Amino acid sequence: MDRGLINGVLFLDLKKAFDTVDHKILLAKLELYGVQGVAFNFFKSYLTNRSQLCTVQGTNSRLKKIRCGVPQGSNVGPLLFSLYINDLPNCLEQTEASMFADDTNISSIGNSPADIEVKLNDDLYNVNNWLIANKLTLNVKNPEFMLIASKRKLKQFSYDPCILIDNHNIKQ
């Protein structure tokens, strides 16, 4: 803002983020990050051969094997999720990511709302491809978009950027 530029921020929402982490992809990423030996075997046993059931009024459902997801109620679950999405910023070419657990936003600066629109849409395409490769899904109903600039700067433009996710226009 001090340099007279506009900042555009897109707040992303992942659908069932912790529940859809692919165990094979996560284990491959752990190896890539140098986790090996006893530590790797711990995470592998922590993730594989897990099952769950539901109990309603004393009656149990059948045991169901869990093939994806990280436990949210544990200390390890959020850590594993953070490692899972750690490489998401690598797909960005024109924006920067800020991430905390499953909350992610991408932002860019430009001279005009049109500049911001191009940069965010281009990298949103890259994010979507990264999500597909990592078996995660963007919740297209919740994302929000914001332009940040001085009031005077924003009044110079009558153009409202159109940020699209799967043909859904993101609200500003």
N, C-alpha and C. Protein backbone atom coordinates (compact mmCIF):
# COMPACT_ATOMS: atom_id res chain seq x y z
N MET A 1 0.81 -1.18 0.00
CA MET A 1 0.00 0.00 0.00
C MET A 1 0.87 1.26 0.00
N ASP A 2 1.97 1.20 0.71
CA ASP A 2 2.85 2.36 0.78
C ASP A 2 3.39 2.76 -0.59
N ARG A 3 3.52 1.78 -1.48
CA ARG A 3 4.06 2.06 -2.82
C ARG A 3 2.95 2.34 -3.83
N GLY A 4 1.72 2.46 -3.35
CA GLY A 4 0.60 2.75 -4.23
C GLY A 4 0.08 1.53 -4.96
N LEU A 5 0.42 0.34 -4.50
CA LEU A 5 -0.03 -0.89 -5.14
C LEU A 5 -1.27 -1.44 -4.43
N ILE A 6 -1.91 -2.37 -5.09
CA ILE A 6 -3.09 -3.05 -4.55
C ILE A 6 -2.69 -4.47 -4.18
N ASN A 7 -3.19 -4.94 -3.06
CA ASN A 7 -2.95 -6.32 -2.64
C ASN A 7 -4.27 -7.07 -2.78
N GLY A 8 -4.23 -8.22 -3.42
CA GLY A 8 -5.39 -9.08 -3.52
C GLY A 8 -5.14 -10.35 -2.74
N VAL A 9 -6.11 -10.73 -1.91
CA VAL A 9 -5.97 -11.93 -1.08
C VAL A 9 -7.17 -12.84 -1.32
N LEU A 10 -6.89 -14.10 -1.57
CA LEU A 10 -7.93 -15.11 -1.76
C LEU A 10 -7.82 -16.11 -0.62
N PHE A 11 -8.89 -16.22 0.17
CA PHE A 11 -8.93 -17.13 1.31
C PHE A 11 -9.56 -18.44 0.84
N LEU A 12 -8.79 -19.53 0.93
CA LEU A 12 -9.22 -20.83 0.43
C LEU A 12 -9.72 -21.71 1.58
N ASP A 13 -10.65 -22.57 1.25
CA ASP A 13 -11.19 -23.51 2.23
C ASP A 13 -11.13 -24.91 1.62
N LEU A 14 -10.39 -25.79 2.27
CA LEU A 14 -10.29 -27.17 1.79
C LEU A 14 -11.44 -27.98 2.38
N LYS A 15 -12.05 -28.80 1.53
CA LYS A 15 -13.17 -29.62 1.95
C LYS A 15 -12.66 -30.85 2.72
N LYS A 16 -13.09 -31.00 3.96
CA LYS A 16 -12.72 -32.14 4.81
C LYS A 16 -11.22 -32.42 4.75
N ALA A 17 -10.44 -31.38 4.92
CA ALA A 17 -8.99 -31.44 4.70
C ALA A 17 -8.31 -32.56 5.48
N PHE A 18 -8.51 -32.62 6.78
CA PHE A 18 -7.83 -33.62 7.60
C PHE A 18 -8.32 -35.04 7.28
N ASP A 19 -9.58 -35.15 6.86
CA ASP A 19 -10.18 -36.46 6.61
C ASP A 19 -9.79 -37.07 5.27
N THR A 20 -9.22 -36.29 4.38
CA THR A 20 -8.95 -36.79 3.02
C THR A 20 -7.47 -36.93 2.69
N VAL A 21 -6.61 -36.81 3.68
CA VAL A 21 -5.16 -36.97 3.45
C VAL A 21 -4.90 -38.41 3.01
N ASP A 22 -4.28 -38.56 1.85
CA ASP A 22 -3.95 -39.89 1.32
C ASP A 22 -2.70 -40.42 2.02
N HIS A 23 -2.83 -41.59 2.65
CA HIS A 23 -1.72 -42.15 3.43
C HIS A 23 -0.48 -42.44 2.58
N LYS A 24 -0.68 -42.98 1.37
CA LYS A 24 0.48 -43.29 0.52
C LYS A 24 1.23 -42.03 0.13
N ILE A 25 0.49 -40.99 -0.24
CA ILE A 25 1.14 -39.73 -0.61
C ILE A 25 1.85 -39.14 0.60
N LEU A 26 1.21 -39.16 1.76
CA LEU A 26 1.82 -38.62 2.97
C LEU A 26 3.11 -39.36 3.32
N LEU A 27 3.09 -40.68 3.26
CA LEU A 27 4.30 -41.45 3.57
C LEU A 27 5.42 -41.15 2.57
N ALA A 28 5.06 -40.98 1.30
CA ALA A 28 6.07 -40.63 0.28
C ALA A 28 6.67 -39.25 0.58
N LYS A 29 5.84 -38.32 1.02
CA LYS A 29 6.34 -36.98 1.36
C LYS A 29 7.24 -37.04 2.59
N LEU A 30 6.87 -37.84 3.57
CA LEU A 30 7.71 -37.98 4.76
C LEU A 30 9.09 -38.49 4.38
N GLU A 31 9.13 -39.48 3.49
CA GLU A 31 10.42 -39.99 3.00
C GLU A 31 11.20 -38.89 2.28
N LEU A 32 10.50 -38.14 1.44
CA LEU A 32 11.12 -37.04 0.70
C LEU A 32 11.72 -36.00 1.65
N TYR A 33 11.05 -35.76 2.78
CA TYR A 33 11.54 -34.79 3.76
C TYR A 33 12.62 -35.37 4.67
N GLY A 34 13.00 -36.63 4.42
CA GLY A 34 14.11 -37.22 5.17
C GLY A 34 13.72 -38.00 6.41
N VAL A 35 12.43 -38.23 6.60
CA VAL A 35 12.00 -39.06 7.72
C VAL A 35 12.30 -40.51 7.35
N GLN A 36 13.06 -41.19 8.19
CA GLN A 36 13.45 -42.57 7.89
C GLN A 36 13.62 -43.37 9.17
N GLY A 37 13.87 -44.65 9.01
CA GLY A 37 14.16 -45.52 10.14
C GLY A 37 12.99 -45.62 11.11
N VAL A 38 13.30 -45.53 12.40
CA VAL A 38 12.30 -45.70 13.46
C VAL A 38 11.18 -44.67 13.33
N ALA A 39 11.54 -43.43 13.04
CA ALA A 39 10.53 -42.37 12.92
C ALA A 39 9.57 -42.66 11.77
N PHE A 40 10.11 -43.07 10.61
CA PHE A 40 9.25 -43.39 9.47
C PHE A 40 8.34 -44.57 9.81
N ASN A 41 8.91 -45.60 10.42
CA ASN A 41 8.11 -46.78 10.78
C ASN A 41 7.02 -46.43 11.79
N PHE A 42 7.30 -45.49 12.70
CA PHE A 42 6.28 -45.04 13.64
C PHE A 42 5.10 -44.43 12.88
N PHE A 43 5.39 -43.50 11.96
CA PHE A 43 4.31 -42.85 11.22
C PHE A 43 3.57 -43.85 10.33
N LYS A 44 4.31 -44.77 9.75
CA LYS A 44 3.67 -45.78 8.90
C LYS A 44 2.70 -46.63 9.71
N SER A 45 3.12 -47.08 10.88
CA SER A 45 2.22 -47.90 11.70
C SER A 45 1.08 -47.06 12.27
N TYR A 46 1.33 -45.78 12.50
CA TYR A 46 0.30 -44.87 13.01
C TYR A 46 -0.81 -44.68 11.98
N LEU A 47 -0.45 -44.69 10.70
CA LEU A 47 -1.42 -44.41 9.64
C LEU A 47 -2.08 -45.66 9.05
N THR A 48 -1.38 -46.78 9.03
CA THR A 48 -1.90 -47.95 8.33
C THR A 48 -2.64 -48.88 9.29
N ASN A 49 -3.52 -49.67 8.70
CA ASN A 49 -4.32 -50.66 9.43
C ASN A 49 -5.14 -50.04 10.56
N ARG A 50 -5.65 -48.85 10.32
CA ARG A 50 -6.54 -48.21 11.29
C ARG A 50 -7.97 -48.57 10.92
N SER A 51 -8.82 -48.64 11.92
CA SER A 51 -10.23 -48.91 11.67
C SER A 51 -11.07 -48.14 12.69
N GLN A 52 -12.35 -48.04 12.38
CA GLN A 52 -13.25 -47.34 13.28
C GLN A 52 -14.63 -47.96 13.23
N LEU A 53 -15.41 -47.67 14.24
CA LEU A 53 -16.80 -48.10 14.27
C LEU A 53 -17.59 -47.05 15.02
N CYS A 54 -18.90 -47.10 14.87
CA CYS A 54 -19.79 -46.18 15.59
C CYS A 54 -20.63 -46.98 16.56
N THR A 55 -20.89 -46.40 17.71
CA THR A 55 -21.76 -47.01 18.70
C THR A 55 -22.94 -46.09 18.93
N VAL A 56 -24.15 -46.61 18.73
CA VAL A 56 -25.37 -45.86 18.97
C VAL A 56 -26.25 -46.68 19.90
N GLN A 57 -26.55 -46.12 21.04
CA GLN A 57 -27.39 -46.77 22.05
C GLN A 57 -26.92 -48.20 22.33
N GLY A 58 -25.62 -48.37 22.48
CA GLY A 58 -25.05 -49.66 22.84
C GLY A 58 -24.87 -50.64 21.69
N THR A 59 -25.27 -50.26 20.49
CA THR A 59 -25.12 -51.14 19.33
C THR A 59 -23.97 -50.62 18.46
N ASN A 60 -23.05 -51.52 18.12
CA ASN A 60 -21.88 -51.16 17.31
C ASN A 60 -22.13 -51.41 15.84
N SER A 61 -21.63 -50.51 15.02
CA SER A 61 -21.62 -50.74 13.58
C SER A 61 -20.50 -51.72 13.26
N ARG A 62 -20.44 -52.13 12.00
CA ARG A 62 -19.31 -52.97 11.58
C ARG A 62 -18.04 -52.15 11.57
N LEU A 63 -16.94 -52.83 11.82
CA LEU A 63 -15.63 -52.19 11.79
C LEU A 63 -15.31 -51.79 10.35
N LYS A 64 -14.87 -50.57 10.15
CA LYS A 64 -14.53 -50.09 8.80
C LYS A 64 -13.07 -49.66 8.78
N LYS A 65 -12.35 -50.15 7.77
CA LYS A 65 -10.94 -49.80 7.62
C LYS A 65 -10.82 -48.36 7.12
N ILE A 66 -9.91 -47.60 7.71
CA ILE A 66 -9.68 -46.21 7.32
C ILE A 66 -8.52 -46.18 6.34
N ARG A 67 -8.77 -45.65 5.15
CA ARG A 67 -7.75 -45.61 4.11
C ARG A 67 -7.15 -44.22 3.91
N CYS A 68 -7.75 -43.21 4.51
CA CYS A 68 -7.21 -41.86 4.37
C CYS A 68 -7.56 -41.04 5.60
N GLY A 69 -6.90 -39.91 5.72
CA GLY A 69 -7.17 -39.00 6.83
C GLY A 69 -6.13 -39.10 7.92
N VAL A 70 -6.01 -38.01 8.68
CA VAL A 70 -5.15 -38.00 9.86
C VAL A 70 -6.03 -37.65 11.06
N PRO A 71 -5.79 -38.30 12.20
CA PRO A 71 -6.62 -38.05 13.38
C PRO A 71 -6.50 -36.59 13.84
N GLN A 72 -7.63 -35.91 13.96
CA GLN A 72 -7.62 -34.50 14.33
C GLN A 72 -7.46 -34.29 15.83
N GLY A 73 -7.85 -35.24 16.63
CA GLY A 73 -7.81 -35.08 18.07
C GLY A 73 -6.45 -35.34 18.68
N SER A 74 -5.49 -35.68 17.86
CA SER A 74 -4.16 -36.01 18.37
C SER A 74 -3.21 -34.84 18.15
N ASN A 75 -2.06 -34.91 18.78
CA ASN A 75 -1.02 -33.90 18.54
C ASN A 75 -0.34 -34.13 17.19
N VAL A 76 -0.31 -35.38 16.76
CA VAL A 76 0.40 -35.74 15.54
C VAL A 76 -0.41 -35.39 14.28
N GLY A 77 -1.73 -35.45 14.35
CA GLY A 77 -2.58 -35.20 13.19
C GLY A 77 -2.32 -33.87 12.51
N PRO A 78 -2.39 -32.75 13.24
CA PRO A 78 -2.12 -31.45 12.60
C PRO A 78 -0.70 -31.34 12.04
N LEU A 79 0.26 -31.96 12.72
CA LEU A 79 1.64 -31.95 12.22
C LEU A 79 1.72 -32.69 10.89
N LEU A 80 1.09 -33.86 10.81
CA LEU A 80 1.11 -34.63 9.57
C LEU A 80 0.40 -33.87 8.45
N PHE A 81 -0.71 -33.21 8.78
CA PHE A 81 -1.41 -32.43 7.75
C PHE A 81 -0.53 -31.29 7.25
N SER A 82 0.15 -30.61 8.15
CA SER A 82 1.04 -29.52 7.75
C SER A 82 2.15 -30.02 6.84
N LEU A 83 2.69 -31.19 7.14
CA LEU A 83 3.72 -31.77 6.27
C LEU A 83 3.13 -32.16 4.91
N TYR A 84 1.87 -32.61 4.92
CA TYR A 84 1.20 -33.02 3.69
C TYR A 84 1.05 -31.84 2.72
N ILE A 85 0.70 -30.67 3.25
CA ILE A 85 0.48 -29.51 2.36
C ILE A 85 1.69 -28.59 2.27
N ASN A 86 2.77 -28.97 2.90
CA ASN A 86 3.98 -28.14 2.95
C ASN A 86 4.49 -27.72 1.57
N ASP A 87 4.30 -28.55 0.56
CA ASP A 87 4.82 -28.24 -0.78
C ASP A 87 3.82 -27.48 -1.66
N LEU A 88 2.65 -27.15 -1.16
CA LEU A 88 1.68 -26.40 -1.95
C LEU A 88 2.26 -25.09 -2.50
N PRO A 89 3.01 -24.30 -1.72
CA PRO A 89 3.55 -23.05 -2.27
C PRO A 89 4.46 -23.24 -3.48
N ASN A 90 5.00 -24.44 -3.67
CA ASN A 90 5.88 -24.69 -4.82
C ASN A 90 5.16 -24.57 -6.15
N CYS A 91 3.83 -24.71 -6.15
CA CYS A 91 3.08 -24.62 -7.41
C CYS A 91 2.74 -23.18 -7.79
N LEU A 92 3.00 -22.25 -6.90
CA LEU A 92 2.63 -20.85 -7.14
C LEU A 92 3.70 -20.13 -7.95
N GLU A 93 3.26 -19.39 -8.96
CA GLU A 93 4.18 -18.65 -9.82
C GLU A 93 4.07 -17.14 -9.66
N GLN A 94 2.87 -16.65 -9.32
CA GLN A 94 2.64 -15.20 -9.27
C GLN A 94 2.08 -14.71 -7.94
N THR A 95 1.89 -15.62 -7.01
CA THR A 95 1.31 -15.26 -5.72
C THR A 95 2.15 -15.88 -4.61
N GLU A 96 1.81 -15.50 -3.39
CA GLU A 96 2.46 -16.09 -2.22
C GLU A 96 1.39 -16.73 -1.35
N ALA A 97 1.76 -17.81 -0.67
CA ALA A 97 0.81 -18.50 0.20
C ALA A 97 1.11 -18.21 1.66
N SER A 98 0.06 -18.13 2.44
CA SER A 98 0.14 -18.12 3.90
C SER A 98 -0.72 -19.28 4.37
N MET A 99 -0.13 -20.14 5.20
CA MET A 99 -0.86 -21.34 5.61
C MET A 99 -0.77 -21.52 7.12
N PHE A 100 -1.90 -21.93 7.69
CA PHE A 100 -1.95 -22.33 9.09
C PHE A 100 -2.95 -23.46 9.18
N ALA A 101 -2.45 -24.66 9.50
CA ALA A 101 -3.28 -25.87 9.52
C ALA A 101 -4.00 -25.97 8.17
N ASP A 102 -5.34 -26.03 8.18
CA ASP A 102 -6.04 -26.18 6.90
C ASP A 102 -6.55 -24.84 6.35
N ASP A 103 -6.13 -23.74 6.96
CA ASP A 103 -6.47 -22.41 6.44
C ASP A 103 -5.33 -21.92 5.55
N THR A 104 -5.67 -21.63 4.31
CA THR A 104 -4.67 -21.21 3.33
C THR A 104 -5.18 -19.98 2.60
N ASN A 105 -4.30 -19.04 2.35
CA ASN A 105 -4.67 -17.95 1.45
C ASN A 105 -3.51 -17.70 0.50
N ILE A 106 -3.86 -17.20 -0.68
CA ILE A 106 -2.84 -16.79 -1.63
C ILE A 106 -3.05 -15.30 -1.89
N SER A 107 -1.95 -14.59 -2.05
CA SER A 107 -2.05 -13.14 -2.24
C SER A 107 -1.05 -12.67 -3.28
N SER A 108 -1.38 -11.51 -3.85
CA SER A 108 -0.51 -10.93 -4.86
C SER A 108 -0.68 -9.41 -4.84
N ILE A 109 0.34 -8.73 -5.30
CA ILE A 109 0.25 -7.28 -5.43
C ILE A 109 0.27 -6.91 -6.91
N GLY A 110 -0.35 -5.79 -7.22
CA GLY A 110 -0.38 -5.33 -8.60
C GLY A 110 -0.74 -3.86 -8.67
N ASN A 111 -0.69 -3.33 -9.88
CA ASN A 111 -1.01 -1.93 -10.11
C ASN A 111 -2.51 -1.68 -10.23
N SER A 112 -3.26 -2.75 -10.55
CA SER A 112 -4.69 -2.58 -10.77
C SER A 112 -5.43 -3.86 -10.38
N PRO A 113 -6.74 -3.76 -10.20
CA PRO A 113 -7.52 -4.97 -9.93
C PRO A 113 -7.38 -6.01 -11.06
N ALA A 114 -7.22 -5.55 -12.30
CA ALA A 114 -7.05 -6.47 -13.42
C ALA A 114 -5.76 -7.27 -13.28
N ASP A 115 -4.67 -6.62 -12.83
CA ASP A 115 -3.40 -7.34 -12.57
C ASP A 115 -3.62 -8.44 -11.53
N ILE A 116 -4.30 -8.08 -10.46
CA ILE A 116 -4.56 -9.03 -9.37
C ILE A 116 -5.40 -10.20 -9.88
N GLU A 117 -6.41 -9.89 -10.68
CA GLU A 117 -7.29 -10.93 -11.22
C GLU A 117 -6.50 -11.98 -12.00
N VAL A 118 -5.63 -11.52 -12.88
CA VAL A 118 -4.84 -12.44 -13.71
C VAL A 118 -3.94 -13.30 -12.83
N LYS A 119 -3.22 -12.68 -11.91
CA LYS A 119 -2.28 -13.42 -11.06
C LYS A 119 -2.99 -14.44 -10.18
N LEU A 120 -4.08 -14.03 -9.54
CA LEU A 120 -4.79 -14.96 -8.66
C LEU A 120 -5.44 -16.10 -9.44
N ASN A 121 -6.06 -15.78 -10.57
CA ASN A 121 -6.69 -16.84 -11.36
C ASN A 121 -5.67 -17.83 -11.91
N ASP A 122 -4.53 -17.32 -12.38
CA ASP A 122 -3.48 -18.21 -12.89
C ASP A 122 -2.99 -19.16 -11.80
N ASP A 123 -2.70 -18.61 -10.62
CA ASP A 123 -2.20 -19.48 -9.56
C ASP A 123 -3.30 -20.32 -8.92
N LEU A 124 -4.53 -19.87 -8.99
CA LEU A 124 -5.63 -20.70 -8.51
C LEU A 124 -5.75 -21.95 -9.37
N TYR A 125 -5.49 -21.81 -10.66
CA TYR A 125 -5.44 -22.97 -11.56
C TYR A 125 -4.33 -23.93 -11.11
N ASN A 126 -3.16 -23.38 -10.77
CA ASN A 126 -2.05 -24.21 -10.29
C ASN A 126 -2.39 -24.88 -8.97
N VAL A 127 -3.03 -24.16 -8.06
CA VAL A 127 -3.44 -24.73 -6.78
C VAL A 127 -4.42 -25.88 -7.01
N ASN A 128 -5.36 -25.67 -7.91
CA ASN A 128 -6.34 -26.72 -8.19
C ASN A 128 -5.66 -27.98 -8.72
N ASN A 129 -4.69 -27.83 -9.60
CA ASN A 129 -3.94 -28.99 -10.10
C ASN A 129 -3.17 -29.67 -8.98
N TRP A 130 -2.57 -28.88 -8.07
CA TRP A 130 -1.86 -29.45 -6.92
C TRP A 130 -2.83 -30.23 -6.04
N LEU A 131 -4.01 -29.66 -5.81
CA LEU A 131 -5.01 -30.33 -4.98
C LEU A 131 -5.44 -31.66 -5.60
N ILE A 132 -5.65 -31.67 -6.89
CA ILE A 132 -6.04 -32.91 -7.58
C ILE A 132 -4.95 -33.96 -7.42
N ALA A 133 -3.70 -33.57 -7.64
CA ALA A 133 -2.57 -34.51 -7.52
C ALA A 133 -2.43 -35.04 -6.10
N ASN A 134 -2.85 -34.25 -5.11
CA ASN A 134 -2.72 -34.64 -3.71
C ASN A 134 -4.04 -35.12 -3.10
N LYS A 135 -5.03 -35.33 -3.96
CA LYS A 135 -6.33 -35.88 -3.58
C LYS A 135 -7.04 -35.05 -2.51
N LEU A 136 -6.94 -33.74 -2.64
CA LEU A 136 -7.66 -32.82 -1.78
C LEU A 136 -8.64 -32.03 -2.65
N THR A 137 -9.64 -31.44 -2.02
CA THR A 137 -10.68 -30.73 -2.76
C THR A 137 -10.90 -29.35 -2.16
N LEU A 138 -11.08 -28.39 -3.02
CA LEU A 138 -11.39 -27.03 -2.60
C LEU A 138 -12.89 -26.91 -2.40
N ASN A 139 -13.30 -26.32 -1.30
CA ASN A 139 -14.71 -26.04 -1.07
C ASN A 139 -15.03 -24.76 -1.82
N VAL A 140 -15.78 -24.87 -2.91
CA VAL A 140 -16.02 -23.71 -3.77
C VAL A 140 -17.08 -22.77 -3.21
N LYS A 141 -17.75 -23.16 -2.14
CA LYS A 141 -18.81 -22.31 -1.57
C LYS A 141 -18.28 -21.30 -0.55
N ASN A 142 -17.15 -21.57 0.07
CA ASN A 142 -16.67 -20.73 1.17
C ASN A 142 -15.56 -19.73 0.86
N PRO A 143 -14.80 -19.87 -0.21
CA PRO A 143 -13.69 -18.93 -0.40
C PRO A 143 -14.18 -17.49 -0.50
N GLU A 144 -13.32 -16.59 -0.06
CA GLU A 144 -13.61 -15.16 -0.17
C GLU A 144 -12.38 -14.46 -0.71
N PHE A 145 -12.63 -13.32 -1.32
CA PHE A 145 -11.58 -12.55 -1.98
C PHE A 145 -11.65 -11.12 -1.46
N MET A 146 -10.48 -10.51 -1.29
CA MET A 146 -10.43 -9.14 -0.77
C MET A 146 -9.35 -8.35 -1.49
N LEU A 147 -9.67 -7.12 -1.83
CA LEU A 147 -8.68 -6.16 -2.32
C LEU A 147 -8.31 -5.24 -1.17
N ILE A 148 -7.01 -5.02 -1.01
CA ILE A 148 -6.53 -4.15 0.06
C ILE A 148 -5.72 -3.02 -0.58
N ALA A 149 -6.18 -1.81 -0.35
CA ALA A 149 -5.50 -0.62 -0.87
C ALA A 149 -6.10 0.60 -0.18
N SER A 150 -5.50 1.73 -0.42
CA SER A 150 -6.07 2.96 0.14
C SER A 150 -7.42 3.22 -0.54
N LYS A 151 -8.28 3.92 0.17
CA LYS A 151 -9.59 4.26 -0.38
C LYS A 151 -9.44 5.03 -1.70
N ARG A 152 -8.50 5.95 -1.70
CA ARG A 152 -8.24 6.77 -2.88
C ARG A 152 -7.82 5.90 -4.07
N LYS A 153 -6.95 4.93 -3.81
CA LYS A 153 -6.46 4.05 -4.88
C LYS A 153 -7.61 3.21 -5.45
N LEU A 154 -8.43 2.65 -4.57
CA LEU A 154 -9.53 1.80 -5.03
C LEU A 154 -10.57 2.60 -5.82
N LYS A 155 -10.75 3.87 -5.50
CA LYS A 155 -11.72 4.70 -6.22
C LYS A 155 -11.28 4.99 -7.65
N GLN A 156 -10.00 4.80 -7.95
CA GLN A 156 -9.49 5.03 -9.30
C GLN A 156 -10.00 3.99 -10.29
N PHE A 157 -10.49 2.88 -9.78
CA PHE A 157 -10.88 1.76 -10.65
C PHE A 157 -12.37 1.46 -10.50
N SER A 158 -13.02 1.27 -11.64
CA SER A 158 -14.42 0.84 -11.62
C SER A 158 -14.51 -0.65 -11.91
N TYR A 159 -13.38 -1.29 -12.06
CA TYR A 159 -13.30 -2.70 -12.45
C TYR A 159 -13.27 -3.60 -11.21
N ASP A 160 -14.20 -4.54 -11.14
CA ASP A 160 -14.19 -5.53 -10.06
C ASP A 160 -13.61 -6.83 -10.59
N PRO A 161 -12.55 -7.33 -9.98
CA PRO A 161 -11.94 -8.58 -10.44
C PRO A 161 -12.91 -9.75 -10.36
N CYS A 162 -12.77 -10.65 -11.28
CA CYS A 162 -13.57 -11.87 -11.31
C CYS A 162 -12.64 -13.04 -11.02
N ILE A 163 -12.72 -13.58 -9.82
CA ILE A 163 -11.91 -14.72 -9.42
C ILE A 163 -12.81 -15.94 -9.49
N LEU A 164 -12.40 -16.94 -10.27
CA LEU A 164 -13.25 -18.11 -10.53
C LEU A 164 -12.62 -19.40 -10.02
N ILE A 165 -13.46 -20.22 -9.38
CA ILE A 165 -13.09 -21.58 -9.01
C ILE A 165 -14.17 -22.49 -9.58
N ASP A 166 -13.81 -23.36 -10.50
CA ASP A 166 -14.78 -24.26 -11.13
C ASP A 166 -16.03 -23.51 -11.59
N ASN A 167 -15.84 -22.41 -12.28
CA ASN A 167 -16.91 -21.57 -12.80
C ASN A 167 -17.77 -20.92 -11.72
N HIS A 168 -17.33 -20.93 -10.48
CA HIS A 168 -18.00 -20.22 -9.38
C HIS A 168 -17.25 -18.91 -9.14
N ASN A 169 -17.97 -17.81 -9.21
CA ASN A 169 -17.38 -16.50 -8.96
C ASN A 169 -17.22 -16.32 -7.45
N ILE A 170 -16.01 -16.00 -7.01
CA ILE A 170 -15.73 -15.85 -5.59
C ILE A 170 -16.21 -14.48 -5.13
N LYS A 171 -16.92 -14.45 -4.01
CA LYS A 171 -17.44 -13.18 -3.52
C LYS A 171 -16.33 -12.32 -2.94
N GLN A 172 -16.49 -11.03 -3.15
CA GLN A 172 -15.50 -10.06 -2.67
C GLN A 172 -16.07 -9.33 -1.47
